[in-house]
Amino acid sequence: MIPPGTDLTYSWSQAASDLGQIAPIVALTGFFLFAVVTDLVLPRARRGGVTAMIAVVGFAYSLGTALFRWQFATGGYAYHRFATGDNFALFFEVLFASLGILTVALSHSYLRKRRMLASEFHILTMAAVIGMMVLASATSLVTVFLGLELLSLSLYIMCGFARTDQSSQEAAVKYLLIGGFASAFVLFGMALVYGGAGTTVIPDIAQRLGTSAASNPLILLGILLMGVGFAFKVSAAPFHMWTPDVYQGAPIPVTAFMSVGTKAAAFAMIVRVFAGGLPHLAPEWQALLAIVAAASMLVGNLMAIVQSSLKRLLAYSGIAQAGYVLIGVVAGGQNGLEAVLYYLFVYMFMNFGAFAVVTLLAGPDGDRDSFGDLAGLGKRNPVLAVAMSIFMLSLAGFPPSVGFFGKLFLFTAGVATGYTWLVVLAVLMSVVSVFYYVRVLIPVWSAGPTPERLRPSLSTNLAILLSGAASILLGLYPTALLIAGQIGANPITPNP
């Protein structure tokens, strides 16, 4: 609700200021609407290519707008403190726009190979990214839920995009049912917090709820319910059971997009709501998230060992990675949030790149994601084999990859705030993860059969090479991205 006493008069200058604060979202929404209209009027044969071009230009324009505002504009509130354009929002908008470009580049040739409707896919990708950006810029529980639902509805459809594939339809139904269940938890928890605080504006919640709120059962139950719903969204144990099935059934570009975007958006939501709105109740939500982090690292790493499907292995890997990132959220403070932002950004490249290589194995009849499908990749395409090795070693945390520095920053923040036990568990589980990440590389470099060479399209090659280069360069030179993380983490919300 709008706080009592708020001046509702609205001038042109204020409207321009509000639009400026959410300029990257407005820009992408404009291209999204243009793509929808274009899809209606163009002949079917030309829709896919034109829509892909519009999507890439839209993501690039939104990315440029976010970078411009990062450099030259001042963050502030918009729309009666329901949204913001602060550096935290801009950091994630850069991430999501970059992910959108990579997704279009990866999926275009895949959609043609699988004979899927490309224009609708790119439009849904744009809608999902808009939802992610809304989550990052939301400073009201109402705006948070709107962004969450826009993202979720788009992903439900994308998971079932292979209309003739039974596993894809099954994945969409599972995600719809469990996602709706998680959204209900989040909404009910938000309603209870609103009941206890009397406002949905996140900074105002922080002002109204002091340390005495820790004895308010309404607030504590709201934190618990939101924590459960957030854990569903980030694929954290013990609320992770949907993840392997949905990842395996969805088309691979959708899985790649979800594995990065959904996690990053959900973590932005967690930081906004918990760290930004409930700082006085940190001991309560930190204890809840610490347990979830420990369970995620244990379940994700141990279950990944026994997988024979690359999709399922990377799904359980993602569950474990969510546990690592939660260490930074639990640690909190400047160092914890810097580490979270750094890791989420580099995770985009190493995890998306791994899925991108798996995408190339797909044929007209469906996805191919078994270990045997990787056999002889080193002979079929040495560049892709090297890229896959970089992605796996980065996810495992081998120095000097980005994964190593990302975990180092997270673990350092955890130890500095007294969560040594959680960091010790994370280090042990990271050692376990080396087994299944290296196991993926055995068939890649084995002799195996020598079928025809893999010849990726230019756009797919660029997406994989960019991801591989970023996985190396951001590890060799982590300072620039870490500085961006420092700026993005402070402040979480702008001053009124």
Protein backbone atom coordinates (compact mmCIF):
# COMPACT_ATOMS: atom_id res chain seq x y z
CA MET A 1 0.00 0.00 0.00
CA ILE A 2 1.01 3.63 -0.47
CA PRO A 3 2.15 5.05 2.89
CA PRO A 4 -0.35 7.42 4.59
CA GLY A 5 0.34 11.07 3.92
CA THR A 6 2.04 10.42 0.59
CA ASP A 7 1.64 13.29 -1.87
CA LEU A 8 -0.19 11.79 -4.85
CA THR A 9 0.14 14.82 -7.09
CA TYR A 10 2.09 13.92 -10.18
CA SER A 11 3.93 16.32 -12.45
CA TRP A 12 5.61 15.83 -15.80
CA SER A 13 9.03 16.28 -14.21
CA GLN A 14 8.28 13.61 -11.64
CA ALA A 15 7.02 11.27 -14.37
CA ALA A 16 10.25 11.80 -16.31
CA SER A 17 12.28 11.18 -13.16
CA ASP A 18 10.40 7.96 -12.42
CA LEU A 19 10.84 6.71 -15.97
CA GLY A 20 14.54 7.54 -15.78
CA GLN A 21 15.00 5.44 -12.66
CA ILE A 22 13.63 2.37 -14.42
CA ALA A 23 14.93 3.30 -17.88
CA PRO A 24 16.50 -0.12 -18.68
CA ILE A 25 13.17 -1.83 -17.94
CA VAL A 26 11.21 0.74 -19.96
CA ALA A 27 13.58 0.37 -22.91
CA LEU A 28 13.32 -3.41 -22.97
CA THR A 29 9.54 -3.28 -22.53
CA GLY A 30 9.30 -1.04 -25.59
CA PHE A 31 11.25 -3.51 -27.70
CA PHE A 32 9.14 -6.34 -26.26
CA LEU A 33 5.91 -4.68 -27.41
CA PHE A 34 7.44 -3.92 -30.79
CA ALA A 35 8.43 -7.59 -31.17
CA VAL A 36 4.88 -8.70 -30.32
CA VAL A 37 3.37 -6.43 -32.99
CA THR A 38 6.03 -7.40 -35.53
CA ASP A 39 5.29 -11.09 -34.96
CA LEU A 40 1.65 -10.44 -35.82
CA VAL A 41 2.26 -8.71 -39.15
CA LEU A 42 5.27 -10.47 -40.69
CA PRO A 43 5.06 -13.62 -42.82
CA ARG A 44 5.78 -16.75 -40.80
CA ALA A 45 9.03 -17.49 -42.66
CA ARG A 46 10.59 -14.18 -41.58
CA ARG A 47 9.29 -13.92 -38.03
CA GLY A 48 12.04 -15.88 -36.27
CA GLY A 49 15.01 -13.98 -37.67
CA VAL A 50 13.44 -10.53 -37.33
CA THR A 51 12.22 -11.18 -33.78
CA ALA A 52 15.66 -12.47 -32.79
CA MET A 53 17.20 -9.27 -34.16
CA ILE A 54 14.70 -7.12 -32.26
CA ALA A 55 15.41 -9.06 -29.06
CA VAL A 56 19.19 -8.66 -29.37
CA VAL A 57 18.88 -4.94 -30.11
CA GLY A 58 16.45 -4.55 -27.19
CA PHE A 59 18.76 -6.33 -24.77
CA ALA A 60 21.76 -4.35 -26.04
CA TYR A 61 19.90 -1.05 -25.72
CA SER A 62 18.74 -1.93 -22.21
CA LEU A 63 22.31 -2.94 -21.33
CA GLY A 64 23.66 0.34 -22.68
CA THR A 65 21.03 2.31 -20.76
CA ALA A 66 21.95 0.54 -17.51
CA LEU A 67 25.67 1.19 -18.06
CA PHE A 68 25.00 4.85 -18.86
CA ARG A 69 22.96 5.33 -15.70
CA TRP A 70 25.61 3.48 -13.69
CA GLN A 71 28.20 5.99 -14.84
CA PHE A 72 26.31 9.28 -15.05
CA ALA A 73 22.97 9.11 -13.17
CA THR A 74 21.97 9.09 -9.52
CA GLY A 75 19.81 6.32 -8.12
CA GLY A 76 16.59 7.22 -6.38
CA TYR A 77 13.07 6.04 -5.71
CA ALA A 78 10.32 5.92 -8.32
CA TYR A 79 6.54 5.56 -8.29
CA HIS A 80 5.95 6.42 -4.64
CA ARG A 81 8.93 4.32 -3.45
CA PHE A 82 7.69 1.17 -5.18
CA ALA A 83 10.83 0.88 -7.34
CA THR A 84 14.37 2.22 -7.52
CA GLY A 85 17.18 2.76 -9.98
CA ASP A 86 20.04 2.34 -7.50
CA ASN A 87 23.34 0.64 -8.31
CA PHE A 88 22.12 -2.69 -6.95
CA ALA A 89 19.30 -2.70 -9.52
CA LEU A 90 21.60 -1.53 -12.30
CA PHE A 91 24.12 -4.28 -11.57
CA PHE A 92 21.47 -6.95 -12.02
CA GLU A 93 20.00 -5.22 -15.06
CA VAL A 94 23.41 -5.44 -16.73
CA LEU A 95 23.57 -9.12 -15.80
CA PHE A 96 20.07 -9.92 -17.09
CA ALA A 97 20.49 -8.00 -20.34
CA SER A 98 23.78 -9.83 -20.98
CA LEU A 99 22.07 -13.13 -20.26
CA GLY A 100 19.30 -12.24 -22.72
CA ILE A 101 21.81 -11.63 -25.51
CA LEU A 102 23.58 -14.92 -24.81
CA THR A 103 20.25 -16.80 -24.75
CA VAL A 104 19.11 -15.45 -28.13
CA ALA A 105 22.53 -16.22 -29.64
CA LEU A 106 22.46 -19.78 -28.31
CA SER A 107 18.82 -20.63 -29.01
CA HIS A 108 18.35 -19.34 -32.56
CA SER A 109 20.06 -22.25 -34.35
CA TYR A 110 18.70 -24.74 -31.80
CA LEU A 111 15.11 -23.65 -32.48
CA ARG A 112 15.64 -24.02 -36.21
CA LYS A 113 17.12 -27.49 -35.74
CA ARG A 114 14.20 -28.59 -33.52
CA ARG A 115 11.63 -26.86 -35.82
CA MET A 116 10.22 -24.74 -33.00
CA LEU A 117 8.57 -21.32 -33.31
CA ALA A 118 11.49 -18.97 -32.78
CA SER A 119 9.59 -15.69 -32.62
CA GLU A 120 7.43 -16.73 -29.65
CA PHE A 121 10.50 -18.08 -27.85
CA HIS A 122 12.43 -14.81 -28.15
CA ILE A 123 9.39 -12.81 -27.04
CA LEU A 124 8.99 -15.01 -23.97
CA THR A 125 12.69 -14.58 -23.21
CA MET A 126 12.25 -10.81 -23.26
CA ALA A 127 9.22 -11.04 -20.96
CA ALA A 128 11.14 -13.22 -18.50
CA VAL A 129 14.09 -10.79 -18.44
CA ILE A 130 11.71 -7.89 -17.80
CA GLY A 131 10.37 -9.82 -14.80
CA MET A 132 13.92 -10.38 -13.54
CA MET A 133 14.70 -6.66 -13.86
CA VAL A 134 11.53 -5.73 -11.97
CA LEU A 135 12.59 -8.03 -9.13
CA ALA A 136 16.00 -6.36 -8.92
CA SER A 137 14.55 -2.83 -8.85
CA ALA A 138 11.56 -3.53 -6.58
CA THR A 139 11.39 -1.69 -3.24
CA SER A 140 7.88 -2.79 -2.37
CA LEU A 141 6.54 -6.26 -1.64
CA VAL A 142 3.83 -5.60 -4.24
CA THR A 143 6.40 -4.88 -6.96
CA VAL A 144 8.43 -7.91 -5.89
CA PHE A 145 5.45 -10.18 -6.40
CA LEU A 146 4.55 -8.63 -9.77
CA GLY A 147 8.09 -9.22 -11.04
CA LEU A 148 8.13 -12.73 -9.64
CA GLU A 149 4.91 -13.69 -11.40
CA LEU A 150 5.90 -12.14 -14.73
CA LEU A 151 9.12 -14.16 -14.63
CA SER A 152 7.41 -17.36 -13.51
CA LEU A 153 4.60 -17.27 -16.08
CA SER A 154 7.08 -16.79 -18.91
CA LEU A 155 9.21 -19.69 -17.71
CA TYR A 156 6.22 -22.03 -17.33
CA ILE A 157 5.49 -21.60 -21.05
CA MET A 158 9.14 -21.83 -22.08
CA CYS A 159 9.61 -25.13 -20.23
CA GLY A 160 6.82 -26.66 -22.31
CA PHE A 161 7.95 -25.09 -25.56
CA ALA A 162 8.73 -28.45 -27.19
CA ARG A 163 5.06 -29.12 -27.81
CA THR A 164 5.48 -32.62 -29.24
CA ASP A 165 7.94 -33.73 -26.53
CA GLN A 166 6.21 -35.44 -23.60
CA SER A 167 9.11 -34.76 -21.21
CA SER A 168 8.93 -31.04 -21.99
CA GLN A 169 5.20 -30.94 -21.28
CA GLU A 170 5.75 -32.87 -18.07
CA ALA A 171 8.46 -30.40 -17.01
CA ALA A 172 6.13 -27.47 -17.65
CA VAL A 173 3.34 -29.01 -15.55
CA LYS A 174 5.68 -29.82 -12.67
CA TYR A 175 7.16 -26.35 -12.72
CA LEU A 176 3.71 -24.74 -12.92
CA LEU A 177 2.33 -26.68 -9.95
CA ILE A 178 5.38 -26.38 -7.71
CA GLY A 179 6.07 -22.79 -8.79
CA GLY A 180 2.51 -21.81 -7.93
CA PHE A 181 2.90 -23.54 -4.59
CA ALA A 182 6.09 -21.54 -3.90
CA SER A 183 4.44 -18.28 -4.96
CA ALA A 184 1.63 -18.94 -2.50
CA PHE A 185 4.18 -19.29 0.31
CA VAL A 186 5.85 -16.03 -0.70
CA LEU A 187 2.55 -14.15 -0.98
CA PHE A 188 1.24 -15.42 2.37
CA GLY A 189 4.52 -14.52 4.05
CA MET A 190 4.42 -11.02 2.53
CA ALA A 191 0.84 -10.60 3.75
CA LEU A 192 1.89 -11.45 7.31
CA VAL A 193 4.84 -9.04 7.21
CA TYR A 194 2.53 -6.36 5.86
CA GLY A 195 0.13 -7.10 8.70
CA GLY A 196 2.92 -6.66 11.24
CA ALA A 197 4.56 -3.60 9.69
CA GLY A 198 1.55 -1.80 8.18
CA THR A 199 3.32 -1.12 4.87
CA THR A 200 4.63 -2.99 1.85
CA VAL A 201 7.43 -0.49 1.10
CA ILE A 202 10.63 -2.33 2.00
CA PRO A 203 12.64 0.62 3.46
CA ASP A 204 9.61 1.60 5.57
CA ILE A 205 9.33 -1.96 6.86
CA ALA A 206 12.96 -1.69 8.04
CA GLN A 207 12.13 1.55 9.88
CA ARG A 208 8.97 0.28 11.53
CA LEU A 209 10.22 -3.12 12.66
CA GLY A 210 12.86 -2.95 15.37
CA THR A 211 14.52 -5.70 17.38
CA SER A 212 11.32 -6.10 19.39
CA ALA A 213 9.66 -7.57 16.29
CA ALA A 214 11.62 -10.77 16.96
CA SER A 215 8.95 -11.64 19.53
CA ASN A 216 6.09 -11.01 17.11
CA PRO A 217 4.83 -14.42 15.89
CA LEU A 218 3.19 -12.79 12.86
CA ILE A 219 6.51 -11.43 11.60
CA LEU A 220 8.42 -14.63 12.39
CA LEU A 221 5.88 -16.77 10.53
CA GLY A 222 6.05 -14.33 7.60
CA ILE A 223 9.85 -14.68 7.49
CA LEU A 224 9.55 -18.47 7.59
CA LEU A 225 7.00 -18.62 4.78
CA MET A 226 8.92 -16.19 2.57
CA GLY A 227 12.11 -18.14 3.27
CA VAL A 228 10.46 -21.36 2.11
CA GLY A 229 9.14 -19.68 -1.06
CA PHE A 230 12.51 -18.07 -1.81
CA ALA A 231 14.27 -21.43 -1.32
CA PHE A 232 11.95 -22.93 -3.96
CA LYS A 233 12.88 -20.18 -6.40
CA VAL A 234 16.66 -20.55 -5.97
CA SER A 235 16.45 -24.38 -6.13
CA ALA A 236 17.76 -24.73 -2.57
CA ALA A 237 17.36 -27.92 -0.54
CA PRO A 238 15.13 -29.27 0.86
CA PHE A 239 12.84 -27.49 -1.62
CA HIS A 240 14.77 -28.55 -4.71
CA MET A 241 12.95 -31.66 -5.91
CA TRP A 242 11.46 -29.99 -8.98
CA THR A 243 14.82 -28.83 -10.30
CA PRO A 244 16.35 -32.00 -11.86
CA ASP A 245 13.08 -33.05 -13.53
CA VAL A 246 12.32 -29.59 -14.94
CA TYR A 247 15.90 -29.03 -16.10
CA GLN A 248 15.94 -32.40 -17.87
CA GLY A 249 12.56 -32.02 -19.54
CA ALA A 250 12.82 -28.39 -20.71
CA PRO A 251 14.58 -27.54 -23.99
CA ILE A 252 18.29 -27.00 -23.29
CA PRO A 253 18.36 -23.22 -24.05
CA VAL A 254 15.53 -22.80 -21.54
CA THR A 255 17.44 -24.84 -18.97
CA ALA A 256 20.56 -22.71 -19.56
CA PHE A 257 18.52 -19.51 -19.22
CA MET A 258 16.72 -20.70 -16.09
CA SER A 259 19.83 -22.02 -14.38
CA VAL A 260 21.37 -18.54 -14.34
CA GLY A 261 18.54 -16.02 -14.57
CA THR A 262 16.11 -17.51 -12.09
CA LYS A 263 18.82 -17.88 -9.45
CA ALA A 264 20.17 -14.36 -9.90
CA ALA A 265 16.67 -12.82 -9.80
CA ALA A 266 15.71 -14.83 -6.73
CA PHE A 267 18.87 -13.81 -4.90
CA ALA A 268 18.20 -10.16 -5.78
CA MET A 269 14.73 -10.65 -4.27
CA ILE A 270 16.14 -12.26 -1.12
CA VAL A 271 18.64 -9.46 -0.57
CA ARG A 272 16.03 -6.77 -1.16
CA VAL A 273 13.45 -8.26 1.19
CA PHE A 274 15.59 -9.74 3.94
CA ALA A 275 18.72 -7.55 4.06
CA GLY A 276 16.91 -4.39 2.95
CA GLY A 277 13.59 -4.78 4.76
CA LEU A 278 14.32 -6.91 7.82
CA PRO A 279 17.83 -5.94 9.02
CA HIS A 280 16.79 -5.91 12.69
CA LEU A 281 15.62 -9.51 12.36
CA ALA A 282 18.84 -10.72 10.76
CA PRO A 283 19.55 -13.45 13.36
CA GLU A 284 16.22 -15.08 12.56
CA TRP A 285 16.45 -15.17 8.76
CA GLN A 286 20.20 -15.81 8.80
CA ALA A 287 19.67 -18.97 10.85
CA LEU A 288 16.99 -20.14 8.41
CA LEU A 289 19.16 -19.47 5.35
CA ALA A 290 22.24 -21.05 6.94
CA ILE A 291 20.38 -24.33 7.39
CA VAL A 292 19.12 -24.15 3.81
CA ALA A 293 22.66 -23.42 2.57
CA ALA A 294 24.11 -26.44 4.39
CA ALA A 295 21.37 -28.74 3.11
CA SER A 296 21.81 -27.45 -0.46
CA MET A 297 25.55 -28.09 -0.49
CA LEU A 298 25.14 -31.59 0.91
CA VAL A 299 22.24 -32.68 -1.31
CA GLY A 300 23.48 -31.00 -4.48
CA ASN A 301 27.02 -32.34 -4.40
CA LEU A 302 26.23 -35.86 -3.19
CA MET A 303 23.35 -36.39 -5.63
CA ALA A 304 25.36 -35.05 -8.58
CA ILE A 305 27.86 -37.88 -8.16
CA VAL A 306 25.43 -40.58 -9.30
CA GLN A 307 23.90 -38.78 -12.30
CA SER A 308 24.29 -40.07 -15.86
CA SER A 309 22.48 -37.14 -17.51
CA LEU A 310 24.38 -33.89 -18.01
CA LYS A 311 21.22 -31.88 -17.48
CA ARG A 312 20.51 -33.56 -14.16
CA LEU A 313 24.15 -33.30 -13.10
CA LEU A 314 24.17 -29.57 -13.78
CA ALA A 315 20.82 -29.26 -12.00
CA TYR A 316 22.24 -30.77 -8.81
CA SER A 317 25.37 -28.70 -9.34
CA GLY A 318 23.12 -25.61 -9.41
CA ILE A 319 21.54 -26.66 -6.12
CA ALA A 320 25.02 -26.86 -4.56
CA GLN A 321 25.99 -23.51 -6.10
CA ALA A 322 22.90 -21.93 -4.52
CA GLY A 323 24.21 -23.13 -1.16
CA TYR A 324 27.55 -21.42 -1.78
CA VAL A 325 25.89 -18.12 -2.70
CA LEU A 326 23.68 -18.29 0.40
CA ILE A 327 26.86 -18.13 2.50
CA GLY A 328 27.40 -14.58 1.24
CA VAL A 329 23.75 -13.67 1.87
CA VAL A 330 23.95 -15.05 5.41
CA ALA A 331 27.23 -13.26 6.05
CA GLY A 332 25.65 -9.99 4.93
CA GLY A 333 27.38 -6.66 5.19
CA GLN A 334 29.44 -5.06 2.46
CA ASN A 335 31.84 -7.99 1.98
CA GLY A 336 29.08 -10.61 1.87
CA LEU A 337 27.02 -8.74 -0.71
CA GLU A 338 30.08 -7.95 -2.84
CA ALA A 339 30.86 -11.66 -2.95
CA VAL A 340 27.25 -12.53 -3.86
CA LEU A 341 27.18 -10.05 -6.75
CA TYR A 342 30.58 -11.15 -8.03
CA TYR A 343 29.68 -14.84 -7.93
CA LEU A 344 26.29 -14.43 -9.57
CA PHE A 345 27.82 -12.49 -12.45
CA VAL A 346 30.61 -14.98 -13.14
CA TYR A 347 28.24 -17.93 -12.62
CA MET A 348 26.34 -16.66 -15.66
CA PHE A 349 29.34 -17.33 -17.90
CA MET A 350 30.59 -20.65 -16.55
CA ASN A 351 27.21 -22.32 -16.10
CA PHE A 352 25.58 -20.92 -19.24
CA GLY A 353 28.67 -21.92 -21.22
CA ALA A 354 28.46 -25.51 -20.01
CA PHE A 355 24.81 -25.75 -21.07
CA ALA A 356 25.67 -24.09 -24.39
CA VAL A 357 28.09 -26.89 -25.26
CA VAL A 358 25.43 -29.48 -24.37
CA THR A 359 22.98 -27.62 -26.62
CA LEU A 360 25.14 -28.38 -29.65
CA LEU A 361 24.67 -32.10 -29.11
CA ALA A 362 20.91 -31.83 -29.73
CA GLY A 363 19.44 -33.29 -32.90
CA PRO A 364 16.13 -32.81 -34.73
CA ASP A 365 14.62 -35.62 -32.68
CA GLY A 366 15.45 -34.11 -29.29
CA ASP A 367 18.13 -33.23 -26.77
CA ARG A 368 21.12 -35.48 -26.18
CA ASP A 369 22.61 -35.03 -22.75
CA SER A 370 24.19 -38.33 -21.72
CA PHE A 371 27.90 -38.71 -20.97
CA GLY A 372 28.19 -40.90 -24.06
CA ASP A 373 27.04 -38.02 -26.25
CA LEU A 374 30.17 -36.12 -25.22
CA ALA A 375 32.48 -38.96 -26.29
CA GLY A 376 35.17 -37.82 -28.69
CA LEU A 377 34.27 -34.12 -28.44
CA GLY A 378 37.98 -33.32 -28.39
CA LYS A 379 38.27 -34.73 -31.93
CA ARG A 380 34.93 -33.49 -33.21
CA ASN A 381 35.63 -29.89 -32.17
CA PRO A 382 38.76 -29.19 -30.07
CA VAL A 383 37.70 -25.59 -29.36
CA LEU A 384 34.43 -26.74 -27.79
CA ALA A 385 36.29 -29.39 -25.80
CA VAL A 386 38.64 -26.76 -24.39
CA ALA A 387 35.68 -24.50 -23.60
CA MET A 388 33.85 -27.32 -21.80
CA SER A 389 36.99 -28.01 -19.77
CA ILE A 390 37.18 -24.35 -18.76
CA PHE A 391 33.54 -24.32 -17.67
CA MET A 392 33.80 -27.53 -15.64
CA LEU A 393 37.02 -26.50 -13.92
CA SER A 394 35.54 -23.07 -13.17
CA LEU A 395 32.45 -24.62 -11.58
CA ALA A 396 34.72 -26.87 -9.54
CA GLY A 397 36.69 -23.85 -8.33
CA PHE A 398 40.12 -24.58 -9.78
CA PRO A 399 42.48 -21.56 -9.67
CA PRO A 400 42.83 -19.18 -11.43
CA SER A 401 39.29 -19.51 -12.77
CA VAL A 402 36.42 -17.21 -11.84
CA GLY A 403 34.87 -20.02 -9.81
CA PHE A 404 37.90 -20.11 -7.53
CA PHE A 405 37.82 -16.39 -6.79
CA GLY A 406 34.04 -16.40 -6.43
CA LYS A 407 34.17 -19.11 -3.79
CA LEU A 408 37.17 -17.45 -2.12
CA PHE A 409 35.23 -14.19 -1.68
CA LEU A 410 32.13 -16.02 -0.39
CA PHE A 411 34.08 -18.18 2.04
CA THR A 412 36.13 -15.25 3.32
CA ALA A 413 32.96 -13.28 4.06
CA GLY A 414 31.46 -16.30 5.85
CA VAL A 415 34.50 -16.79 8.11
CA ALA A 416 34.71 -13.06 8.88
CA THR A 417 31.14 -13.08 10.25
CA GLY A 418 31.46 -16.23 12.34
CA TYR A 419 30.00 -18.84 9.99
CA THR A 420 33.18 -20.91 9.98
CA TRP A 421 31.26 -24.19 10.30
CA LEU A 422 29.32 -23.40 7.15
CA VAL A 423 32.49 -22.50 5.25
CA VAL A 424 34.22 -25.72 6.39
CA LEU A 425 31.26 -27.71 5.06
CA ALA A 426 31.40 -25.73 1.80
CA VAL A 427 35.11 -26.46 1.35
CA LEU A 428 34.55 -30.19 1.95
CA MET A 429 31.67 -30.25 -0.53
CA SER A 430 33.76 -28.34 -3.07
CA VAL A 431 36.34 -31.13 -2.86
CA VAL A 432 33.56 -33.66 -3.49
CA SER A 433 32.37 -31.66 -6.50
CA VAL A 434 35.74 -32.05 -8.20
CA PHE A 435 34.90 -35.73 -8.80
CA TYR A 436 31.78 -35.20 -10.90
CA TYR A 437 33.02 -32.11 -12.73
CA VAL A 438 36.20 -33.89 -13.81
CA ARG A 439 34.11 -36.98 -14.62
CA VAL A 440 32.35 -34.95 -17.32
CA LEU A 441 35.69 -34.26 -18.98
CA ILE A 442 36.73 -37.92 -19.27
CA PRO A 443 34.49 -38.69 -22.29
CA VAL A 444 35.26 -35.25 -23.75
CA TRP A 445 38.94 -36.12 -24.13
CA SER A 446 38.60 -39.89 -24.55
CA ALA A 447 39.26 -41.55 -27.90
CA GLY A 448 35.72 -42.86 -28.37
CA PRO A 449 33.96 -42.92 -31.74
CA THR A 450 34.72 -40.22 -34.27
CA PRO A 451 31.43 -39.10 -35.75
CA GLU A 452 31.13 -36.02 -37.94
CA ARG A 453 32.56 -32.77 -36.68
CA LEU A 454 30.40 -30.32 -34.76
CA ARG A 455 29.96 -27.07 -36.66
CA PRO A 456 28.14 -24.55 -34.45
CA SER A 457 26.51 -21.49 -35.96
CA LEU A 458 28.31 -18.17 -35.74
CA SER A 459 26.02 -16.87 -32.97
CA THR A 460 26.44 -20.05 -30.89
CA ASN A 461 30.21 -19.93 -31.37
CA LEU A 462 30.27 -16.33 -30.19
CA ALA A 463 28.17 -17.14 -27.09
CA ILE A 464 30.44 -20.04 -26.11
CA LEU A 465 33.69 -18.20 -26.84
CA LEU A 466 32.53 -15.12 -24.93
CA SER A 467 31.55 -17.24 -21.94
CA GLY A 468 34.88 -19.08 -22.04
CA ALA A 469 36.91 -15.89 -22.35
CA ALA A 470 35.00 -14.28 -19.46
CA SER A 471 35.52 -17.39 -17.31
CA ILE A 472 39.28 -16.96 -17.74
CA LEU A 473 39.74 -13.18 -17.84
CA LEU A 474 37.47 -12.40 -14.89
CA GLY A 475 39.49 -14.92 -12.90
CA LEU A 476 42.87 -13.52 -13.95
CA TYR A 477 41.67 -9.95 -13.39
CA PRO A 478 38.87 -10.11 -10.78
CA THR A 479 39.40 -6.58 -9.48
CA ALA A 480 37.23 -4.71 -12.00
CA LEU A 481 34.17 -6.88 -11.41
CA LEU A 482 34.76 -6.87 -7.65
CA ILE A 483 34.79 -3.06 -7.66
CA ALA A 484 31.49 -3.11 -9.58
CA GLY A 485 30.16 -5.48 -6.93
CA GLN A 486 31.28 -3.07 -4.20
CA ILE A 487 29.41 -0.22 -5.88
CA GLY A 488 26.35 -2.37 -6.47
CA ALA A 489 26.22 -3.64 -2.89
CA ASN A 490 26.38 -0.20 -1.30
CA PRO A 491 23.76 1.02 -0.86
CA ILE A 492 21.10 -1.65 -1.25
CA THR A 493 18.44 1.06 -1.39
CA PRO A 494 18.95 4.77 -1.97
CA ASN A 495 18.35 7.41 0.63
CA PRO A 496 14.88 8.97 0.51
